[in-house]
C-alpha cells in the first residue's frame, strides 16, 4: 500500500513539474509572438514614414512626433526588450539593419528594404 502511494505521489509531482514547464514555455512563446507583432507594426510605420517623407527618420521618436506611430504602443511593449534604430547613411548596402530588436537570446533585424530576419 505504501509503495502505491509513493508511486502516485511521484506521478503527481512529475505531472505538476511538466505542467509548470509547459506554462513557462507557452508564456515565452506568447511574449515572442507579441514582440514579432510589434516589429511588424514598427516596420509598417517606418515604411509609411519613408514613403510620405522621402527619407528615413532620425529616430523612432521622430516617427511618433510626425504622427506615424503611437507612443503608448511603444511604451507598452518593451519591458526587457532592447531596441536599436539606426538611420541608414547615404549609399548604405541593402542589408543595412535599420531596426534591431533583441529579446531573450533572439534578435530580429529589419533591413533598409524593410525585410525582417530572425537570428537565434
PDB file of N, CA and C in Angstrom:
ATOM      1  N   UNK A   1       0.819  -1.189   0.000  1.00  0.00           N
ATOM      2  CA  UNK A   1       0.000   0.000   0.000  1.00  0.00           C
ATOM      3  C   UNK A   1       0.877   1.273   0.000  1.00  0.00           C
ATOM      4  N   UNK A   2       1.923   1.259   0.825  1.00  0.00           N
ATOM      5  CA  UNK A   2       2.810   2.420   0.917  1.00  0.00           C
ATOM      6  C   UNK A   2       3.525   2.649  -0.421  1.00  0.00           C
ATOM      7  N   UNK A   3       3.941   1.591  -1.061  1.00  0.00           N
ATOM      8  CA  UNK A   3       4.623   1.690  -2.353  1.00  0.00           C
ATOM      9  C   UNK A   3       3.713   2.336  -3.395  1.00  0.00           C
ATOM     10  N   UNK A   4       2.449   1.984  -3.348  1.00  0.00           N
ATOM     11  CA  UNK A   4       1.476   2.546  -4.298  1.00  0.00           C
ATOM     12  C   UNK A   4       1.309   4.056  -4.085  1.00  0.00           C
ATOM     13  N   UNK A   5       1.229   4.496  -2.832  1.00  0.00           N
ATOM     14  CA  UNK A   5       1.060   5.930  -2.567  1.00  0.00           C
ATOM     15  C   UNK A   5       2.315   6.721  -2.942  1.00  0.00           C
ATOM     16  N   UNK A   6       3.484   6.119  -2.817  1.00  0.00           N
ATOM     17  CA  UNK A   6       4.726   6.775  -3.245  1.00  0.00           C
ATOM     18  C   UNK A   6       4.722   6.941  -4.760  1.00  0.00           C
ATOM     19  N   UNK A   7       4.300   5.912  -5.465  1.00  0.00           N
ATOM     20  CA  UNK A   7       4.239   5.983  -6.931  1.00  0.00           C
ATOM     21  C   UNK A   7       3.237   7.043  -7.373  1.00  0.00           C
ATOM     22  N   UNK A   8       2.091   7.098  -6.716  1.00  0.00           N
ATOM     23  CA  UNK A   8       1.084   8.114  -7.054  1.00  0.00           C
ATOM     24  C   UNK A   8       1.620   9.503  -6.768  1.00  0.00           C
ATOM     25  N   UNK A   9       2.281   9.684  -5.634  1.00  0.00           N
ATOM     26  CA  UNK A   9       2.864  10.986  -5.288  1.00  0.00           C
ATOM     27  C   UNK A   9       3.902  11.406  -6.314  1.00  0.00           C
ATOM     28  N   UNK A  10       4.771  10.479  -6.693  1.00  0.00           N
ATOM     29  CA  UNK A  10       5.780  10.794  -7.711  1.00  0.00           C
ATOM     30  C   UNK A  10       5.123  11.153  -9.048  1.00  0.00           C
ATOM     31  N   UNK A  11       4.066  10.463  -9.394  1.00  0.00           N
ATOM     32  CA  UNK A  11       3.342  10.771 -10.633  1.00  0.00           C
ATOM     33  C   UNK A  11       2.735  12.159 -10.600  1.00  0.00           C
ATOM     34  N   UNK A  12       2.158  12.532  -9.469  1.00  0.00           N
ATOM     35  CA  UNK A  12       1.557  13.865  -9.328  1.00  0.00           C
ATOM     36  C   UNK A  12       2.637  14.941  -9.396  1.00  0.00           C
ATOM     37  N   UNK A  13       3.763  14.709  -8.731  1.00  0.00           N
ATOM     38  CA  UNK A  13       4.870  15.676  -8.767  1.00  0.00           C
ATOM     39  C   UNK A  13       5.406  15.818 -10.189  1.00  0.00           C
ATOM     40  N   UNK A  14       5.589  14.725 -10.890  1.00  0.00           N
ATOM     41  CA  UNK A  14       6.079  14.768 -12.271  1.00  0.00           C
ATOM     42  C   UNK A  14       5.099  15.515 -13.175  1.00  0.00           C
ATOM     43  N   UNK A  15       3.807  15.257 -12.987  1.00  0.00           N
ATOM     44  CA  UNK A  15       2.796  15.959 -13.779  1.00  0.00           C
ATOM     45  C   UNK A  15       2.829  17.462 -13.498  1.00  0.00           C
ATOM     46  N   UNK A  16       2.927  17.837 -12.228  1.00  0.00           N
ATOM     47  CA  UNK A  16       2.974  19.254 -11.856  1.00  0.00           C
ATOM     48  C   UNK A  16       4.204  19.922 -12.458  1.00  0.00           C
ATOM     49  N   UNK A  17       5.335  19.244 -12.400  1.00  0.00           N
ATOM     50  CA  UNK A  17       6.560  19.787 -12.975  1.00  0.00           C
ATOM     51  C   UNK A  17       6.423  19.977 -14.483  1.00  0.00           C
ATOM     52  N   UNK A  18       5.865  18.994 -15.171  1.00  0.00           N
ATOM     53  CA  UNK A  18       5.652  19.094 -16.621  1.00  0.00           C
ATOM     54  C   UNK A  18       4.705  20.238 -16.957  1.00  0.00           C
ATOM     55  N   UNK A  19       3.679  20.413 -16.143  1.00  0.00           N
ATOM     56  CA  UNK A  19       2.723  21.500 -16.361  1.00  0.00           C
ATOM     57  C   UNK A  19       3.390  22.861 -16.190  1.00  0.00           C
ATOM     58  N   UNK A  20       4.243  22.989 -15.178  1.00  0.00           N
ATOM     59  CA  UNK A  20       4.976  24.248 -14.955  1.00  0.00           C
ATOM     60  C   UNK A  20       5.871  24.557 -16.151  1.00  0.00           C
ATOM     61  N   UNK A  21       6.590  23.563 -16.645  1.00  0.00           N
ATOM     62  CA  UNK A  21       7.450  23.778 -17.817  1.00  0.00           C
ATOM     63  C   UNK A  21       6.644  24.165 -19.045  1.00  0.00           C
ATOM     64  N   UNK A  22       5.489  23.539 -19.223  1.00  0.00           N
ATOM     65  CA  UNK A  22       4.631  23.855 -20.361  1.00  0.00           C
ATOM     66  C   UNK A  22       4.145  25.301 -20.282  1.00  0.00           C
ATOM     67  N   UNK A  23       3.684  25.719 -19.114  1.00  0.00           N
ATOM     68  CA  UNK A  23       3.173  27.085 -18.941  1.00  0.00           C
ATOM     69  C   UNK A  23       4.289  28.101 -19.151  1.00  0.00           C
ATOM     70  N   UNK A  24       5.472  27.812 -18.615  1.00  0.00           N
ATOM     71  CA  UNK A  24       6.608  28.722 -18.793  1.00  0.00           C
ATOM     72  C   UNK A  24       6.963  28.861 -20.271  1.00  0.00           C
ATOM     73  N   UNK A  25       6.998  27.741 -20.999  1.00  0.00           N
ATOM     74  CA  UNK A  25       7.296  27.775 -22.433  1.00  0.00           C
ATOM     75  C   UNK A  25       6.226  28.507 -23.219  1.00  0.00           C
ATOM     76  N   UNK A  26       4.966  28.309 -22.850  1.00  0.00           N
ATOM     77  CA  UNK A  26       3.865  28.983 -23.535  1.00  0.00           C
ATOM     78  C   UNK A  26       3.939  30.494 -23.315  1.00  0.00           C
ATOM     79  N   UNK A  27       4.301  30.905 -22.099  1.00  0.00           N
ATOM     80  CA  UNK A  27       4.421  32.338 -21.807  1.00  0.00           C
ATOM     81  C   UNK A  27       5.538  32.957 -22.643  1.00  0.00           C
ATOM     82  N   UNK A  28       6.668  32.253 -22.732  1.00  0.00           N
ATOM     83  CA  UNK A  28       7.795  32.751 -23.531  1.00  0.00           C
ATOM     84  C   UNK A  28       7.394  32.891 -25.000  1.00  0.00           C
ATOM     85  N   UNK A  29       6.724  31.891 -25.545  1.00  0.00           N
ATOM     86  CA  UNK A  29       6.290  31.946 -26.940  1.00  0.00           C
ATOM     87  C   UNK A  29       5.284  33.076 -27.165  1.00  0.00           C
ATOM     88  N   UNK A  30       4.410  33.321 -26.200  1.00  0.00           N
ATOM     89  CA  UNK A  30       3.453  34.422 -26.311  1.00  0.00           C
ATOM     90  C   UNK A  30       4.174  35.761 -26.331  1.00  0.00           C
ATOM     91  N   UNK A  31       5.187  35.909 -25.484  1.00  0.00           N
ATOM     92  CA  UNK A  31       5.970  37.152 -25.466  1.00  0.00           C
ATOM     93  C   UNK A  31       6.734  37.338 -26.766  1.00  0.00           C
ATOM     94  N   UNK A  32       7.265  36.253 -27.314  1.00  0.00           N
ATOM     95  CA  UNK A  32       7.970  36.340 -28.594  1.00  0.00           C
ATOM     96  C   UNK A  32       7.006  36.734 -29.703  1.00  0.00           C
ATOM     97  N   UNK A  33       5.825  36.156 -29.727  1.00  0.00           N
ATOM     98  CA  UNK A  33       4.815  36.493 -30.731  1.00  0.00           C
ATOM     99  C   UNK A  33       4.431  37.965 -30.627  1.00  0.00           C
ATOM    100  N   UNK A  34       4.267  38.435 -29.422  1.00  0.00           N
ATOM    101  CA  UNK A  34       3.939  39.843 -29.189  1.00  0.00           C
ATOM    102  C   UNK A  34       5.062  40.753 -29.710  1.00  0.00           C
ATOM    103  N   UNK A  35       6.304  40.356 -29.466  1.00  0.00           N
ATOM    104  CA  UNK A  35       7.449  41.147 -29.933  1.00  0.00           C
ATOM    105  C   UNK A  35       7.514  41.162 -31.451  1.00  0.00           C
ATOM    106  N   UNK A  36       7.292  40.026 -32.091  1.00  0.00           N
ATOM    107  CA  UNK A  36       7.298  39.961 -33.557  1.00  0.00           C
ATOM    108  C   UNK A  36       6.186  40.840 -34.134  1.00  0.00           C
ATOM    109  N   UNK A  37       5.021  40.823 -33.503  1.00  0.00           N
ATOM    110  CA  UNK A  37       3.916  41.687 -33.946  1.00  0.00           C
ATOM    111  C   UNK A  37       4.308  43.153 -33.835  1.00  0.00           C
ATOM    112  N   UNK A  38       4.994  43.502 -32.739  1.00  0.00           N
ATOM    113  CA  UNK A  38       5.434  44.884 -32.552  1.00  0.00           C
ATOM    114  C   UNK A  38       6.406  45.273 -33.659  1.00  0.00           C
ATOM    115  N   UNK A  39       7.329  44.365 -33.994  1.00  0.00           N
ATOM    116  CA  UNK A  39       8.301  44.656 -35.056  1.00  0.00           C
ATOM    117  C   UNK A  39       7.586  44.879 -36.378  1.00  0.00           C
ATOM    118  N   UNK A  40       6.570  44.089 -36.667  1.00  0.00           N
ATOM    119  CA  UNK A  40       5.786  44.287 -37.900  1.00  0.00           C
ATOM    120  C   UNK A  40       5.113  45.654 -37.898  1.00  0.00           C
ATOM    121  N   UNK A  41       4.554  46.037 -36.761  1.00  0.00           N
ATOM    122  CA  UNK A  41       3.894  47.339 -36.646  1.00  0.00           C
ATOM    123  C   UNK A  41       4.888  48.475 -36.891  1.00  0.00           C
ATOM    124  N   UNK A  42       6.034  48.414 -36.220  1.00  0.00           N
ATOM    125  CA  UNK A  42       7.049  49.466 -36.375  1.00  0.00           C
ATOM    126  C   UNK A  42       7.573  49.494 -37.807  1.00  0.00           C
ATOM    127  N   UNK A  43       7.770  48.323 -38.405  1.00  0.00           N
ATOM    128  CA  UNK A  43       8.229  48.255 -39.795  1.00  0.00           C
ATOM    129  C   UNK A  43       7.224  48.953 -40.717  1.00  0.00           C
ATOM    130  N   UNK A  44       5.949  48.692 -40.521  1.00  0.00           N
ATOM    131  CA  UNK A  44       4.908  49.352 -41.320  1.00  0.00           C
ATOM    132  C   UNK A  44       4.910  50.861 -41.130  1.00  0.00           C
ATOM    133  N   UNK A  45       5.093  51.301 -39.893  1.00  0.00           N
ATOM    134  CA  UNK A  45       5.155  52.745 -39.612  1.00  0.00           C
ATOM    135  C   UNK A  45       6.362  53.384 -40.282  1.00  0.00           C
ATOM    136  N   UNK A  46       7.512  52.698 -40.224  1.00  0.00           N
ATOM    137  CA  UNK A  46       8.716  53.210 -40.894  1.00  0.00           C
ATOM    138  C   UNK A  46       8.517  53.282 -42.405  1.00  0.00           C
ATOM    139  N   UNK A  47       7.919  52.240 -42.974  1.00  0.00           N
ATOM    140  CA  UNK A  47       7.655  52.235 -44.416  1.00  0.00           C
ATOM    141  C   UNK A  47       6.775  53.410 -44.803  1.00  0.00           C
ATOM    142  N   UNK A  48       5.731  53.621 -44.038  1.00  0.00           N
ATOM    143  CA  UNK A  48       4.814  54.723 -44.321  1.00  0.00           C
ATOM    144  C   UNK A  48       5.541  56.065 -44.205  1.00  0.00           C
ATOM    145  N   UNK A  49       6.347  56.224 -43.171  1.00  0.00           N
ATOM    146  CA  UNK A  49       7.111  57.460 -42.977  1.00  0.00           C
ATOM    147  C   UNK A  49       8.024  57.717 -44.175  1.00  0.00           C
ATOM    148  N   UNK A  50       8.787  56.677 -44.568  1.00  0.00           N
ATOM    149  CA  UNK A  50       9.724  56.832 -45.687  1.00  0.00           C
ATOM    150  C   UNK A  50       8.980  57.164 -46.978  1.00  0.00           C
ATOM    151  N   UNK A  51       7.855  56.515 -47.197  1.00  0.00           N
ATOM    152  CA  UNK A  51       7.064  56.770 -48.408  1.00  0.00           C
ATOM    153  C   UNK A  51       6.561  58.210 -48.438  1.00  0.00           C
ATOM    154  N   UNK A  52       6.059  58.681 -47.312  1.00  0.00           N
ATOM    155  CA  UNK A  52       5.483  60.037 -47.257  1.00  0.00           C
ATOM    156  C   UNK A  52       6.537  61.140 -47.155  1.00  0.00           C
ATOM    157  N   UNK A  53       7.589  60.901 -46.371  1.00  0.00           N
ATOM    158  CA  UNK A  53       8.578  61.937 -46.098  1.00  0.00           C
ATOM    159  C   UNK A  53       9.784  61.895 -47.045  1.00  0.00           C
ATOM    160  N   UNK A  54       9.981  60.760 -47.729  1.00  0.00           N
ATOM    161  CA  UNK A  54      11.055  60.668 -48.710  1.00  0.00           C
ATOM    162  C   UNK A  54      12.401  60.211 -48.174  1.00  0.00           C
ATOM    163  N   UNK A  55      12.525  60.038 -46.862  1.00  0.00           N
ATOM    164  CA  UNK A  55      13.783  59.551 -46.286  1.00  0.00           C
ATOM    165  C   UNK A  55      13.503  58.906 -44.936  1.00  0.00           C
ATOM    166  N   UNK A  56      14.492  58.194 -44.427  1.00  0.00           N
ATOM    167  CA  UNK A  56      14.348  57.578 -43.119  1.00  0.00           C
ATOM    168  C   UNK A  56      14.375  58.641 -42.027  1.00  0.00           C
ATOM    169  N   UNK A  57      13.671  58.416 -40.938  1.00  0.00           N
ATOM    170  CA  UNK A  57      13.681  59.375 -39.828  1.00  0.00           C
ATOM    171  C   UNK A  57      15.008  59.318 -39.071  1.00  0.00           C
ATOM    172  N   UNK A  58      15.265  60.351 -38.299  1.00  0.00           N
ATOM    173  CA  UNK A  58      16.466  60.391 -37.466  1.00  0.00           C
ATOM    174  C   UNK A  58      16.354  59.398 -36.306  1.00  0.00           C
ATOM    175  N   UNK A  59      15.124  59.169 -35.831  1.00  0.00           N
ATOM    176  CA  UNK A  59      14.901  58.283 -34.689  1.00  0.00           C
ATOM    177  C   UNK A  59      13.467  57.765 -34.726  1.00  0.00           C
ATOM    178  N   UNK A  60      13.168  56.778 -33.892  1.00  0.00           N
ATOM    179  CA  UNK A  60      11.792  56.307 -33.784  1.00  0.00           C
ATOM    180  C   UNK A  60      10.901  57.379 -33.160  1.00  0.00           C
ATOM    181  N   UNK A  61      11.477  58.201 -32.304  1.00  0.00           N
ATOM    182  CA  UNK A  61      10.713  59.313 -31.718  1.00  0.00           C
ATOM    183  C   UNK A  61      10.231  60.288 -32.795  1.00  0.00           C
ATOM    184  N   UNK A  62      11.021  60.452 -33.856  1.00  0.00           N
ATOM    185  CA  UNK A  62      10.608  61.322 -34.970  1.00  0.00           C
ATOM    186  C   UNK A  62       9.393  60.744 -35.684  1.00  0.00           C
ATOM    187  N   UNK A  63       9.303  59.427 -35.762  1.00  0.00           N
ATOM    188  CA  UNK A  63       8.154  58.761 -36.378  1.00  0.00           C
ATOM    189  C   UNK A  63       6.906  59.019 -35.532  1.00  0.00           C
ATOM    190  N   UNK A  64       7.085  58.984 -34.214  1.00  0.00           N
ATOM    191  CA  UNK A  64       5.973  59.261 -33.298  1.00  0.00           C
ATOM    192  C   UNK A  64       5.541  60.715 -33.405  1.00  0.00           C
ATOM    193  N   UNK A  65       6.498  61.634 -33.341  1.00  0.00           N
ATOM    194  CA  UNK A  65       6.140  63.058 -33.365  1.00  0.00           C
ATOM    195  C   UNK A  65       5.529  63.480 -34.697  1.00  0.00           C
ATOM    196  N   UNK A  66       5.852  62.767 -35.778  1.00  0.00           N
ATOM    197  CA  UNK A  66       5.257  63.063 -37.082  1.00  0.00           C
ATOM    198  C   UNK A  66       3.871  62.435 -37.227  1.00  0.00           C
ATOM    199  N   UNK A  67       3.459  61.629 -36.235  1.00  0.00           N
ATOM    200  CA  UNK A  67       2.117  61.054 -36.240  1.00  0.00           C
ATOM    201  C   UNK A  67       1.975  59.730 -36.966  1.00  0.00           C
ATOM    202  N   UNK A  68       3.087  59.081 -37.269  1.00  0.00           N
ATOM    203  CA  UNK A  68       3.033  57.806 -37.980  1.00  0.00           C
ATOM    204  C   UNK A  68       2.985  56.600 -37.041  1.00  0.00           C
ATOM    205  N   UNK A  69       3.265  56.833 -35.740  1.00  0.00           N
ATOM    206  CA  UNK A  69       3.299  55.734 -34.785  1.00  0.00           C
ATOM    207  C   UNK A  69       2.806  56.232 -33.432  1.00  0.00           C
ATOM    208  N   UNK A  70       2.124  55.355 -32.698  1.00  0.00           N
ATOM    209  CA  UNK A  70       1.555  55.679 -31.396  1.00  0.00           C
ATOM    210  C   UNK A  70       2.595  55.458 -30.298  1.00  0.00           C
ATOM    211  N   UNK A  71       2.866  56.485 -29.499  1.00  0.00           N
ATOM    212  CA  UNK A  71       3.869  56.367 -28.440  1.00  0.00           C
ATOM    213  C   UNK A  71       3.440  55.403 -27.345  1.00  0.00           C
ATOM    214  N   UNK A  72       2.160  55.335 -27.031  1.00  0.00           N
ATOM    215  CA  UNK A  72       1.682  54.423 -25.991  1.00  0.00           C
ATOM    216  C   UNK A  72       1.924  52.972 -26.389  1.00  0.00           C
ATOM    217  N   UNK A  73       1.810  52.670 -27.659  1.00  0.00           N
ATOM    218  CA  UNK A  73       2.062  51.320 -28.135  1.00  0.00           C
ATOM    219  C   UNK A  73       3.515  50.937 -27.869  1.00  0.00           C
ATOM    220  N   UNK A  74       4.428  51.842 -28.113  1.00  0.00           N
ATOM    221  CA  UNK A  74       5.846  51.572 -27.870  1.00  0.00           C
ATOM    222  C   UNK A  74       6.124  51.361 -26.393  1.00  0.00           C
ATOM    223  N   UNK A  75       5.576  52.194 -25.545  1.00  0.00           N
ATOM    224  CA  UNK A  75       5.820  52.094 -24.109  1.00  0.00           C
ATOM    225  C   UNK A  75       5.277  50.788 -23.539  1.00  0.00           C
ATOM    226  N   UNK A  76       4.182  50.321 -24.064  1.00  0.00           N
ATOM    227  CA  UNK A  76       3.507  49.135 -23.554  1.00  0.00           C
ATOM    228  C   UNK A  76       4.263  47.838 -23.848  1.00  0.00           C
ATOM    229  N   UNK A  77       5.013  47.780 -24.933  1.00  0.00           N
ATOM    230  CA  UNK A  77       5.528  46.504 -25.407  1.00  0.00           C
ATOM    231  C   UNK A  77       6.946  46.150 -25.008  1.00  0.00           C
ATOM    232  N   UNK A  78       7.682  47.001 -24.345  1.00  0.00           N
ATOM    233  CA  UNK A  78       9.100  46.687 -24.252  1.00  0.00           C
ATOM    234  C   UNK A  78       9.761  46.547 -22.897  1.00  0.00           C
ATOM    235  N   UNK A  79       9.156  45.905 -21.922  1.00  0.00           N
ATOM    236  CA  UNK A  79       9.953  45.570 -20.739  1.00  0.00           C
ATOM    237  C   UNK A  79      10.893  44.418 -21.086  1.00  0.00           C
ATOM    238  N   UNK A  80      12.185  44.599 -20.902  1.00  0.00           N
ATOM    239  CA  UNK A  80      13.144  43.526 -21.159  1.00  0.00           C
ATOM    240  C   UNK A  80      13.536  43.330 -22.608  1.00  0.00           C
ATOM    241  N   UNK A  81      13.085  44.190 -23.497  1.00  0.00           N
ATOM    242  CA  UNK A  81      13.424  44.068 -24.908  1.00  0.00           C
ATOM    243  C   UNK A  81      14.307  45.250 -25.286  1.00  0.00           C
ATOM    244  N   UNK A  82      15.410  44.960 -25.963  1.00  0.00           N
ATOM    245  CA  UNK A  82      16.319  46.020 -26.391  1.00  0.00           C
ATOM    246  C   UNK A  82      16.030  46.374 -27.845  1.00  0.00           C
ATOM    247  N   UNK A  83      15.843  47.664 -28.102  1.00  0.00           N
ATOM    248  CA  UNK A  83      15.521  48.147 -29.446  1.00  0.00           C
ATOM    249  C   UNK A  83      16.594  49.140 -29.887  1.00  0.00           C
ATOM    250  N   UNK A  84      17.155  48.898 -31.081  1.00  0.00           N
ATOM    251  CA  UNK A  84      18.146  49.810 -31.639  1.00  0.00           C
ATOM    252  C   UNK A  84      17.678  50.209 -33.033  1.00  0.00           C
ATOM    253  N   UNK A  85      17.520  51.520 -33.240  1.00  0.00           N
ATOM    254  CA  UNK A  85      17.179  52.042 -34.572  1.00  0.00           C
ATOM    255  C   UNK A  85      18.371  52.834 -35.078  1.00  0.00           C
ATOM    256  N   UNK A  86      18.707  52.664 -36.347  1.00  0.00           N
ATOM    257  CA  UNK A  86      19.771  53.439 -36.984  1.00  0.00           C
ATOM    258  C   UNK A  86      19.299  53.921 -38.341  1.00  0.00           C
ATOM    259  N   UNK A  87      19.414  55.211 -38.545  1.00  0.00           N
ATOM    260  CA  UNK A  87      19.103  55.757 -39.870  1.00  0.00           C
ATOM    261  C   UNK A  87      20.233  55.350 -40.815  1.00  0.00           C
ATOM    262  N   UNK A  88      19.887  54.769 -41.975  1.00  0.00           N
ATOM    263  CA  UNK A  88      20.954  54.362 -42.895  1.00  0.00           C
ATOM    264  C   UNK A  88      21.678  55.570 -43.478  1.00  0.00           C
ATOM    265  N   UNK A  89      22.978  55.450 -43.582  1.00  0.00           N
ATOM    266  CA  UNK A  89      23.750  56.517 -44.210  1.00  0.00           C
ATOM    267  C   UNK A  89      23.578  56.415 -45.722  1.00  0.00           C
ATOM    268  N   UNK A  90      23.821  57.500 -46.403  1.00  0.00           N
ATOM    269  CA  UNK A  90      23.657  57.513 -47.853  1.00  0.00           C
ATOM    270  C   UNK A  90      24.587  56.477 -48.486  1.00  0.00           C
ATOM    271  N   UNK A  91      24.056  55.689 -49.384  1.00  0.00           N
ATOM    272  CA  UNK A  91      24.820  54.656 -50.070  1.00  0.00           C
ATOM    273  C   UNK A  91      24.972  53.370 -49.271  1.00  0.00           C
ATOM    274  N   UNK A  92      24.244  53.249 -48.166  1.00  0.00           N
ATOM    275  CA  UNK A  92      24.340  52.032 -47.352  1.00  0.00           C
ATOM    276  C   UNK A  92      23.844  50.829 -48.132  1.00  0.00           C
ATOM    277  N   UNK A  93      24.450  49.705 -47.886  1.00  0.00           N
ATOM    278  CA  UNK A  93      24.078  48.447 -48.536  1.00  0.00           C
ATOM    279  C   UNK A  93      22.629  48.093 -48.207  1.00  0.00           C
ATOM    280  N   UNK A  94      21.987  47.323 -49.069  1.00  0.00           N
ATOM    281  CA  UNK A  94      20.603  46.896 -48.885  1.00  0.00           C
ATOM    282  C   UNK A  94      20.437  46.122 -47.572  1.00  0.00           C
ATOM    283  N   UNK A  95      21.470  45.420 -47.159  1.00  0.00           N
ATOM    284  CA  UNK A  95      21.381  44.607 -45.945  1.00  0.00           C
ATOM    285  C   UNK A  95      21.563  45.419 -44.658  1.00  0.00           C
ATOM    286  N   UNK A  96      21.774  46.730 -44.772  1.00  0.00           N
ATOM    287  CA  UNK A  96      21.953  47.579 -43.586  1.00  0.00           C
ATOM    288  C   UNK A  96      20.722  47.458 -42.673  1.00  0.00           C
ATOM    289  N   UNK A  97      20.937  47.133 -41.408  1.00  0.00           N
ATOM    290  CA  UNK A  97      19.829  46.970 -40.456  1.00  0.00           C
ATOM    291  C   UNK A  97      19.433  48.312 -39.863  1.00  0.00           C
ATOM    292  N   UNK A  98      18.201  48.720 -40.157  1.00  0.00           N
ATOM    293  CA  UNK A  98      17.699  49.965 -39.582  1.00  0.00           C
ATOM    294  C   UNK A  98      17.077  49.718 -38.208  1.00  0.00           C
ATOM    295  N   UNK A  99      16.605  48.495 -37.977  1.00  0.00           N
ATOM    296  CA  UNK A  99      15.967  48.171 -36.706  1.00  0.00           C
ATOM    297  C   UNK A  99      16.490  46.825 -36.216  1.00  0.00           C
ATOM    298  N   UNK A 100      16.913  46.810 -34.955  1.00  0.00           N
ATOM    299  CA  UNK A 100      17.393  45.582 -34.332  1.00  0.00           C
ATOM    300  C   UNK A 100      16.676  45.444 -32.996  1.00  0.00           C
ATOM    301  N   UNK A 101      15.991  44.334 -32.818  1.00  0.00           N
ATOM    302  CA  UNK A 101      15.230  44.084 -31.599  1.00  0.00           C
ATOM    303  C   UNK A 101      15.745  42.798 -30.973  1.00  0.00           C
ATOM    304  N   UNK A 102      16.235  42.904 -29.732  1.00  0.00           N
ATOM    305  CA  UNK A 102      16.774  41.733 -29.024  1.00  0.00           C
ATOM    306  C   UNK A 102      15.820  41.334 -27.906  1.00  0.00           C
ATOM    307  N   UNK A 103      15.479  40.040 -27.893  1.00  0.00           N
ATOM    308  CA  UNK A 103      14.559  39.516 -26.893  1.00  0.00           C
ATOM    309  C   UNK A 103      14.962  38.105 -26.513  1.00  0.00           C
ATOM    310  N   UNK A 104      15.409  37.927 -25.286  1.00  0.00           N
ATOM    311  CA  UNK A 104      15.744  36.620 -24.721  1.00  0.00           C
ATOM    312  C   UNK A 104      16.551  35.737 -25.666  1.00  0.00           C
ATOM    313  N   UNK A 105      17.687  36.230 -26.099  1.00  0.00           N
ATOM    314  CA  UNK A 105      18.577  35.434 -26.924  1.00  0.00           C
ATOM    315  C   UNK A 105      18.270  35.424 -28.405  1.00  0.00           C
ATOM    316  N   UNK A 106      17.202  36.059 -28.809  1.00  0.00           N
ATOM    317  CA  UNK A 106      16.855  36.139 -30.234  1.00  0.00           C
ATOM    318  C   UNK A 106      16.967  37.591 -30.684  1.00  0.00           C
ATOM    319  N   UNK A 107      17.351  37.768 -31.931  1.00  0.00           N
ATOM    320  CA  UNK A 107      17.458  39.109 -32.498  1.00  0.00           C
ATOM    321  C   UNK A 107      16.640  39.148 -33.780  1.00  0.00           C
ATOM    322  N   UNK A 108      15.805  40.164 -33.885  1.00  0.00           N
ATOM    323  CA  UNK A 108      15.017  40.383 -35.096  1.00  0.00           C
ATOM    324  C   UNK A 108      15.616  41.603 -35.783  1.00  0.00           C
ATOM    325  N   UNK A 109      16.000  41.441 -37.027  1.00  0.00           N
ATOM    326  CA  UNK A 109      16.595  42.527 -37.804  1.00  0.00           C
ATOM    327  C   UNK A 109      15.639  42.953 -38.913  1.00  0.00           C
ATOM    328  N   UNK A 110      15.596  44.252 -39.169  1.00  0.00           N
ATOM    329  CA  UNK A 110      14.840  44.799 -40.298  1.00  0.00           C
ATOM    330  C   UNK A 110      15.825  45.621 -41.113  1.00  0.00           C
ATOM    331  N   UNK A 111      16.014  45.248 -42.390  1.00  0.00           N
ATOM    332  CA  UNK A 111      16.968  45.984 -43.214  1.00  0.00           C
ATOM    333  C   UNK A 111      16.299  47.199 -43.861  1.00  0.00           C
ATOM    334  N   UNK A 112      17.078  47.958 -44.589  1.00  0.00           N
ATOM    335  CA  UNK A 112      16.547  49.212 -45.153  1.00  0.00           C
ATOM    336  C   UNK A 112      15.525  48.991 -46.269  1.00  0.00           C
ATOM    337  N   UNK A 113      15.377  47.734 -46.715  1.00  0.00           N
ATOM    338  CA  UNK A 113      14.325  47.379 -47.669  1.00  0.00           C
ATOM    339  C   UNK A 113      13.092  46.850 -46.935  1.00  0.00           C
ATOM    340  N   UNK A 114      13.102  46.919 -45.598  1.00  0.00           N
ATOM    341  CA  UNK A 114      12.007  46.510 -44.705  1.00  0.00           C
ATOM    342  C   UNK A 114      11.771  45.001 -44.695  1.00  0.00           C
ATOM    343  N   UNK A 115      12.826  44.237 -44.961  1.00  0.00           N
ATOM    344  CA  UNK A 115      12.739  42.778 -44.855  1.00  0.00           C
ATOM    345  C   UNK A 115      13.191  42.376 -43.468  1.00  0.00           C
ATOM    346  N   UNK A 116      12.445  41.458 -42.850  1.00  0.00           N
ATOM    347  CA  UNK A 116      12.759  41.008 -41.485  1.00  0.00           C
ATOM    348  C   UNK A 116      13.495  39.672 -41.528  1.00  0.00           C
ATOM    349  N   UNK A 117      14.381  39.479 -40.547  1.00  0.00           N
ATOM    350  CA  UNK A 117      15.021  38.186 -40.347  1.00  0.00           C
ATOM    351  C   UNK A 117      15.230  37.987 -38.854  1.00  0.00           C
ATOM    352  N   UNK A 118      15.238  36.721 -38.450  1.00  0.00           N
ATOM    353  CA  UNK A 118      15.414  36.386 -37.032  1.00  0.00           C
ATOM    354  C   UNK A 118      16.699  35.604 -36.872  1.00  0.00           C
ATOM    355  N   UNK A 119      17.501  36.015 -35.897  1.00  0.00           N
ATOM    356  CA  UNK A 119      18.730  35.319 -35.552  1.00  0.00           C
ATOM    357  C   UNK A 119      18.525  34.705 -34.185  1.00  0.00           C
ATOM    358  N   UNK A 120      18.806  33.442 -34.050  1.00  0.00           N
ATOM    359  CA  UNK A 120      18.632  32.763 -32.751  1.00  0.00           C
ATOM    360  C   UNK A 120      19.944  32.630 -32.042  1.00  0.00           C
TER     361      UNK A 120
END
